[in-house]
Amino acid sequence: MKTAHSMIAALGLAFVLPAPADAATTDPEVIIYRFPGVRDNAAGTDTGVATVFNCTNFSGVTENIRIVTRDRNGTLLSNVMSALAHLATTVASTHDTLAYTFELNLGTGSLSGGTTAIAATSVNVICTAMVIDASTTAPVGVALRGIRFNPVPGSQE
């Protein structure tokens, strides 16, 4: 009986076709996180206070991620989308910081107590966020508690 199950599993794996490399970027976006408490004091490059987001894709294919930030009154401040390769990490920031080299400049300007929603074409993307002192090379600051929407099946965050 055990041998029969093993053979069935092996045959099932043999007929699984890999997904096309670009299939995920055309999938619909789903909201995966919301981070309240986003802050930026609109200081210059590498100074003041900024919020930094780190997202990693573990879906197996390139995915799109979208980062949308609103002020506390709901005003849209930024809406940025980027392709993220499998096992790659992207860094997005409200403005330049010394602690992180970023790929996505959200360019929000001044905001206090804002919120950022992160959507992706797969739930197999994880993200963190922190409000940091942009003038230090070490990320000194406060981690933001992200609310996870659409969790990875069978996982607990």
C-alpha atoms as a PDB file:
ATOM      1  CA  MET A   1       0.000   0.000   0.000  1.00  0.00           C
ATOM      2  CA  LYS A   2       2.831   2.356   0.894  1.00  0.00           C
ATOM      3  CA  THR A   3       4.514   1.596  -2.450  1.00  0.00           C
ATOM      4  CA  ALA A   4       1.296   2.371  -4.347  1.00  0.00           C
ATOM      5  CA  HIS A   5       0.985   5.756  -2.652  1.00  0.00           C
ATOM      6  CA  SER A   6       4.631   6.559  -3.420  1.00  0.00           C
ATOM      7  CA  MET A   7       4.164   5.635  -7.088  1.00  0.00           C
ATOM      8  CA  ILE A   8       1.020   7.757  -7.375  1.00  0.00           C
ATOM      9  CA  ALA A   9       2.818  10.717  -5.791  1.00  0.00           C
ATOM     10  CA  ALA A  10       5.802  10.288  -8.137  1.00  0.00           C
ATOM     11  CA  LEU A  11       3.544  10.094 -11.202  1.00  0.00           C
ATOM     12  CA  GLY A  12       1.665  13.183 -10.058  1.00  0.00           C
ATOM     13  CA  LEU A  13       4.905  15.122  -9.753  1.00  0.00           C
ATOM     14  CA  ALA A  14       6.065  13.946 -13.164  1.00  0.00           C
ATOM     15  CA  PHE A  15       3.061  15.557 -14.860  1.00  0.00           C
ATOM     16  CA  VAL A  16       3.255  18.922 -13.110  1.00  0.00           C
ATOM     17  CA  LEU A  17       4.285  21.600 -15.573  1.00  0.00           C
ATOM     18  CA  PRO A  18       6.230  24.626 -14.374  1.00  0.00           C
ATOM     19  CA  ALA A  19       4.418  27.950 -14.508  1.00  0.00           C
ATOM     20  CA  PRO A  20       5.522  30.317 -17.247  1.00  0.00           C
ATOM     21  CA  ALA A  21       8.124  32.758 -15.932  1.00  0.00           C
ATOM     22  CA  ASP A  22       5.884  35.792 -16.467  1.00  0.00           C
ATOM     23  CA  ALA A  23       2.542  34.254 -15.470  1.00  0.00           C
ATOM     24  CA  ALA A  24       2.501  35.782 -11.997  1.00  0.00           C
ATOM     25  CA  THR A  25       2.980  39.363 -13.125  1.00  0.00           C
ATOM     26  CA  THR A  26      -0.335  39.174 -14.994  1.00  0.00           C
ATOM     27  CA  ASP A  27      -2.244  37.708 -12.024  1.00  0.00           C
ATOM     28  CA  PRO A  28      -4.618  40.031 -10.147  1.00  0.00           C
ATOM     29  CA  GLU A  29      -3.195  41.912  -7.187  1.00  0.00           C
ATOM     30  CA  VAL A  30      -4.405  41.058  -3.686  1.00  0.00           C
ATOM     31  CA  ILE A  31      -3.768  43.116  -0.568  1.00  0.00           C
ATOM     32  CA  ILE A  32      -1.341  41.225   1.655  1.00  0.00           C
ATOM     33  CA  TYR A  33      -0.460  43.845   4.317  1.00  0.00           C
ATOM     34  CA  ARG A  34      -1.523  47.110   5.861  1.00  0.00           C
ATOM     35  CA  PHE A  35       0.931  49.022   8.040  1.00  0.00           C
ATOM     36  CA  PRO A  36      -0.495  51.833  10.213  1.00  0.00           C
ATOM     37  CA  GLY A  37       1.810  54.409  11.819  1.00  0.00           C
ATOM     38  CA  VAL A  38       3.790  55.387   8.712  1.00  0.00           C
ATOM     39  CA  ARG A  39       5.815  58.551   9.290  1.00  0.00           C
ATOM     40  CA  ASP A  40       8.092  60.894   7.357  1.00  0.00           C
ATOM     41  CA  ASN A  41       9.134  64.385   8.420  1.00  0.00           C
ATOM     42  CA  ALA A  42      10.047  65.464   4.856  1.00  0.00           C
ATOM     43  CA  ALA A  43      13.676  66.028   5.790  1.00  0.00           C
ATOM     44  CA  GLY A  44      16.363  65.971   3.132  1.00  0.00           C
ATOM     45  CA  THR A  45      18.312  62.979   1.882  1.00  0.00           C
ATOM     46  CA  ASP A  46      19.707  60.789   4.689  1.00  0.00           C
ATOM     47  CA  THR A  47      18.283  62.991   7.451  1.00  0.00           C
ATOM     48  CA  GLY A  48      15.205  63.069   9.634  1.00  0.00           C
ATOM     49  CA  VAL A  49      12.625  60.309   9.995  1.00  0.00           C
ATOM     50  CA  ALA A  50      11.575  57.877   7.253  1.00  0.00           C
ATOM     51  CA  THR A  51       9.582  54.664   6.975  1.00  0.00           C
ATOM     52  CA  VAL A  52      11.234  51.696   5.252  1.00  0.00           C
ATOM     53  CA  PHE A  53       9.500  48.594   3.851  1.00  0.00           C
ATOM     54  CA  ASN A  54      11.307  45.326   3.008  1.00  0.00           C
ATOM     55  CA  CYS A  55       9.479  42.705   0.910  1.00  0.00           C
ATOM     56  CA  THR A  56      10.741  39.273  -0.198  1.00  0.00           C
ATOM     57  CA  ASN A  57       9.135  37.036  -2.821  1.00  0.00           C
ATOM     58  CA  PHE A  58       9.221  33.256  -2.307  1.00  0.00           C
ATOM     59  CA  SER A  59       6.569  32.262  -4.871  1.00  0.00           C
ATOM     60  CA  GLY A  60       8.902  30.630  -7.395  1.00  0.00           C
ATOM     61  CA  VAL A  61       8.280  33.232 -10.137  1.00  0.00           C
ATOM     62  CA  THR A  62       8.500  36.991 -10.557  1.00  0.00           C
ATOM     63  CA  GLU A  63       5.616  38.819  -8.861  1.00  0.00           C
ATOM     64  CA  ASN A  64       4.386  42.400  -8.940  1.00  0.00           C
ATOM     65  CA  ILE A  65       4.131  44.295  -5.680  1.00  0.00           C
ATOM     66  CA  ARG A  66       2.324  47.588  -5.182  1.00  0.00           C
ATOM     67  CA  ILE A  67       2.901  49.931  -2.242  1.00  0.00           C
ATOM     68  CA  VAL A  68       0.203  52.544  -1.632  1.00  0.00           C
ATOM     69  CA  THR A  69       0.611  55.145   1.115  1.00  0.00           C
ATOM     70  CA  ARG A  70      -2.061  57.492   2.456  1.00  0.00           C
ATOM     71  CA  ASP A  71      -1.912  60.246   5.044  1.00  0.00           C
ATOM     72  CA  ARG A  72      -3.975  59.877   8.214  1.00  0.00           C
ATOM     73  CA  ASN A  73      -6.851  61.750   6.566  1.00  0.00           C
ATOM     74  CA  GLY A  74      -6.904  59.281   3.650  1.00  0.00           C
ATOM     75  CA  THR A  75      -5.148  61.483   1.076  1.00  0.00           C
ATOM     76  CA  LEU A  76      -3.214  59.379  -1.452  1.00  0.00           C
ATOM     77  CA  LEU A  77       0.500  60.209  -1.213  1.00  0.00           C
ATOM     78  CA  SER A  78       2.113  57.477  -3.316  1.00  0.00           C
ATOM     79  CA  ASN A  79       1.224  54.456  -5.431  1.00  0.00           C
ATOM     80  CA  VAL A  80       4.304  52.557  -6.635  1.00  0.00           C
ATOM     81  CA  MET A  81       4.459  49.180  -8.396  1.00  0.00           C
ATOM     82  CA  SER A  82       7.514  47.020  -9.091  1.00  0.00           C
ATOM     83  CA  ALA A  83       8.343  43.521 -10.343  1.00  0.00           C
ATOM     84  CA  LEU A  84      10.051  41.354  -7.725  1.00  0.00           C
ATOM     85  CA  ALA A  85      12.015  38.255  -8.766  1.00  0.00           C
ATOM     86  CA  HIS A  86      11.813  34.936  -6.896  1.00  0.00           C
ATOM     87  CA  LEU A  87      13.779  35.079  -3.610  1.00  0.00           C
ATOM     88  CA  ALA A  88      14.644  38.728  -4.206  1.00  0.00           C
ATOM     89  CA  THR A  89      14.007  41.472  -1.679  1.00  0.00           C
ATOM     90  CA  THR A  90      12.988  44.999  -2.513  1.00  0.00           C
ATOM     91  CA  VAL A  91      13.407  47.960  -0.213  1.00  0.00           C
ATOM     92  CA  ALA A  92      10.990  50.882  -0.423  1.00  0.00           C
ATOM     93  CA  SER A  93      11.387  54.050   1.594  1.00  0.00           C
ATOM     94  CA  THR A  94       9.488  57.286   2.087  1.00  0.00           C
ATOM     95  CA  HIS A  95      12.832  59.056   1.456  1.00  0.00           C
ATOM     96  CA  ASP A  96      16.579  58.243   1.273  1.00  0.00           C
ATOM     97  CA  THR A  97      18.189  56.711   4.368  1.00  0.00           C
ATOM     98  CA  LEU A  98      21.764  55.762   5.242  1.00  0.00           C
ATOM     99  CA  ALA A  99      20.695  52.421   6.724  1.00  0.00           C
ATOM    100  CA  TYR A 100      19.152  50.993   3.527  1.00  0.00           C
ATOM    101  CA  THR A 101      19.782  51.241  -0.173  1.00  0.00           C
ATOM    102  CA  PHE A 102      16.339  51.249  -1.681  1.00  0.00           C
ATOM    103  CA  GLU A 103      14.889  50.390  -5.076  1.00  0.00           C
ATOM    104  CA  LEU A 104      11.580  52.190  -4.616  1.00  0.00           C
ATOM    105  CA  ASN A 105      11.401  55.808  -3.499  1.00  0.00           C
ATOM    106  CA  LEU A 106       7.858  56.372  -2.314  1.00  0.00           C
ATOM    107  CA  GLY A 107       8.359  60.146  -2.226  1.00  0.00           C
ATOM    108  CA  THR A 108       5.499  60.700   0.182  1.00  0.00           C
ATOM    109  CA  GLY A 109       6.654  63.983   1.632  1.00  0.00           C
ATOM    110  CA  SER A 110       5.568  64.799   5.162  1.00  0.00           C
ATOM    111  CA  LEU A 111       3.168  62.425   6.878  1.00  0.00           C
ATOM    112  CA  SER A 112       2.442  61.427  10.437  1.00  0.00           C
ATOM    113  CA  GLY A 113       0.271  58.489  11.371  1.00  0.00           C
ATOM    114  CA  GLY A 114      -0.324  57.447   7.790  1.00  0.00           C
ATOM    115  CA  THR A 115      -1.027  53.970   6.486  1.00  0.00           C
ATOM    116  CA  THR A 116       0.535  51.854   3.755  1.00  0.00           C
ATOM    117  CA  ALA A 117      -1.160  48.976   1.968  1.00  0.00           C
ATOM    118  CA  ILE A 118       0.991  46.423   0.165  1.00  0.00           C
ATOM    119  CA  ALA A 119      -0.553  44.305  -2.572  1.00  0.00           C
ATOM    120  CA  ALA A 120       1.048  41.590  -4.675  1.00  0.00           C
ATOM    121  CA  THR A 121       0.182  39.150  -7.420  1.00  0.00           C
ATOM    122  CA  SER A 122       0.831  36.319  -4.933  1.00  0.00           C
ATOM    123  CA  VAL A 123       0.345  35.764  -1.220  1.00  0.00           C
ATOM    124  CA  ASN A 124       3.853  34.259  -1.209  1.00  0.00           C
ATOM    125  CA  VAL A 125       5.449  37.615  -0.428  1.00  0.00           C
ATOM    126  CA  ILE A 126       6.435  38.704   3.081  1.00  0.00           C
ATOM    127  CA  CYS A 127       7.028  42.290   4.199  1.00  0.00           C
ATOM    128  CA  THR A 128       8.258  44.215   7.216  1.00  0.00           C
ATOM    129  CA  ALA A 129       8.197  47.933   7.980  1.00  0.00           C
ATOM    130  CA  MET A 130       9.957  50.286  10.355  1.00  0.00           C
ATOM    131  CA  VAL A 131      10.136  53.968  11.109  1.00  0.00           C
ATOM    132  CA  ILE A 132      13.828  54.865  11.391  1.00  0.00           C
ATOM    133  CA  ASP A 133      16.276  57.686  11.893  1.00  0.00           C
ATOM    134  CA  ALA A 134      17.376  58.235   8.297  1.00  0.00           C
ATOM    135  CA  SER A 135      20.741  59.717   9.343  1.00  0.00           C
ATOM    136  CA  THR A 136      22.242  56.570  10.884  1.00  0.00           C
ATOM    137  CA  THR A 137      23.804  53.576   9.125  1.00  0.00           C
ATOM    138  CA  ALA A 138      22.242  51.229  11.684  1.00  0.00           C
ATOM    139  CA  PRO A 139      18.444  50.987  11.415  1.00  0.00           C
ATOM    140  CA  VAL A 140      17.565  52.726  14.677  1.00  0.00           C
ATOM    141  CA  GLY A 141      13.834  53.083  15.081  1.00  0.00           C
ATOM    142  CA  VAL A 142      10.516  51.370  15.674  1.00  0.00           C
ATOM    143  CA  ALA A 143       9.139  48.289  13.923  1.00  0.00           C
ATOM    144  CA  LEU A 144       5.593  48.713  12.641  1.00  0.00           C
ATOM    145  CA  ARG A 145       3.047  45.972  13.230  1.00  0.00           C
ATOM    146  CA  GLY A 146       1.736  44.857   9.865  1.00  0.00           C
ATOM    147  CA  ILE A 147      -1.755  43.462   9.591  1.00  0.00           C
ATOM    148  CA  ARG A 148      -1.649  40.451   7.263  1.00  0.00           C
ATOM    149  CA  PHE A 149      -4.449  39.931   4.756  1.00  0.00           C
ATOM    150  CA  ASN A 150      -4.658  36.779   2.608  1.00  0.00           C
ATOM    151  CA  PRO A 151      -2.090  34.679   4.514  1.00  0.00           C
ATOM    152  CA  VAL A 152      -0.135  31.863   2.926  1.00  0.00           C
ATOM    153  CA  PRO A 153      -2.272  28.718   3.338  1.00  0.00           C
ATOM    154  CA  GLY A 154      -1.134  26.665   6.332  1.00  0.00           C
ATOM    155  CA  SER A 155       1.041  29.462   7.741  1.00  0.00           C
ATOM    156  CA  GLN A 156       0.833  31.633  10.815  1.00  0.00           C
ATOM    157  CA  GLU A 157       2.386  35.106  10.934  1.00  0.00           C
END
